[in-house]
Amino acid sequence: MSAAGLVFLPARTFAQSQQVAVITSFPKELFDAYKAAFEKANPGWTVAVVPKPTSAAITHVRERAARPDVDVFWASAVDAFFFLKANNLIERYVPPAEFRRGVPDKVAGFPINDPDGFFHGFAVSGYGIMWNKTYLARNRLPAPKEWDDLIKPVYFGHLVITAPSRSGTTHLTVETILQGYGWQKGWELLIQMGGSMGAITERSFGVPEAVIAGHYGIGVVIDFFGLSAIASGQPIDFVYPSLTSVVPANVAMIKGAPNPEGARRFINFLLSDEGQRLLFKPDIARLPVRTTLYAEAPKGIPNPFKMQAGVQFDADLSAGRYNVTNRMYDQVITFRHADLRKAWEAIYRAERAVEAARSAGRDVVEAERLLIQARASARYVHVSEKMAAEVSGGMDRDAAYRSAKEREWGEVARTSYARALALANQAEDLARRR
């Protein structure tokens, strides 16, 4: 996404010239549509968009807390708003009743609005898997349905994801998997899935772009990436796994916003009928919080208020370990992707060799024993849930402590994946000799 053409002005300029500054992780197609519609509905007002990934947007707001230069925080990652509220970085604002009508208290058991009025849901999101139907047909691949389908050997090299440290929505997906499967099994799944990734992209937008272009077949995404591609006529399909969460995307006014009147106007516009209907545009394809609008939803847009979420998302838990989860994913998957991929490629190759030896009537007991050790080493989870909770605060406060922990985790991962590679190669050699 390019920031070309965007105007960045000092805080006082925003206030004097009736500009509302919005920091957001949303794609250009979405914020351009809302910028144009807001300015048309509010003559004399303009929107200055500051596009940043969610984690970078949080840092932007935190580092400028004494003198904010943006008025509104607007993003999908609900746990980011819990973090902003806990750190006193957003302001309480309750929109007038006319903008809250028809909005239930909860979706899939999760509160749509902050009960204290610090942030408000304007859309609903689920997390899942999109795929290119042409690519899957060409490579004779079945369509996946569940997260653990993605660790099947047949998908090796055909998957794409972005790192949770670079995408708030991917962070929510990772947390959904950790909460759905539990910490230990969830990390084992994420690590093995990481070993089958063809690529880990720089931004979340890179995932749907790679799948639509056919560079990779299957992507891990927030729902609107898949739904908007389908609505735009691309050869794409999308599924919500049974263990997924349904949570609101939110908006909040920054504490000490230079233009609070502009912030209130923007939040009200998102919750207005016009703002809610804009979510149905094919290139946006998001899900409104106002339930009555689903009677006029375009074909293919699901009603999240009729969905059963397999995971009741715990945003407090996610916010409390937000940074430690991102850093752990980077150290064991993102930064070790090449080593992890080599290990799992060798394991899958050894599994085929062992199966061929078994079919030929040869003894494969020792080769299978080595393979069991290789798999365990290639998805080894060094940090327990209890340990993650214990180190989380220290890693946030102390840069030297954080660096030491990151080096430790990275080194353990490197050693584990090297051992897995060696064991898998031994298993393959043994299977082929006998």
Foldseek 3Di string as FASTA:
>chain_A
DDLPPFDQDAQLVCAVQQEAEEEEQDDPVVVVVLQVVLCVVPPSHGYGYHHAALLVVLVLQVVCQVPDRHWKYFYAQPLSLVLCVVVVWFDADDADPQLVPQFDQDFLQHGQADPRRFKGFFFKWKWWKKFQPVLCVVLVHDDDAALLVLLPPSLALQEEEAFCSRHSFVLLVLLLLCQLVPPQVSLLSVLSSLLRYNYHDNHRLVRLVCRLVSVHTMYTHMPQSQQLCVLVPGSMDIYRHQSMDMHGGIMGTTVVRSHNVSSSSSRSCSSHPVNQVVCLPSNNLTGGSRQVCVVVHDPPRDHSNPDNHSGPRDSVLCSLLVVVVSLLCCLQRVVCSVLLNLLVVLLVLLVVLLVVLVVVVHDLVVLVVLSVLLSCLSSPDPAHPVNSNVCRVVLVPPVVSVVVVSVVSNVSNNVSSVSSNVSSVVSNVVSVVD
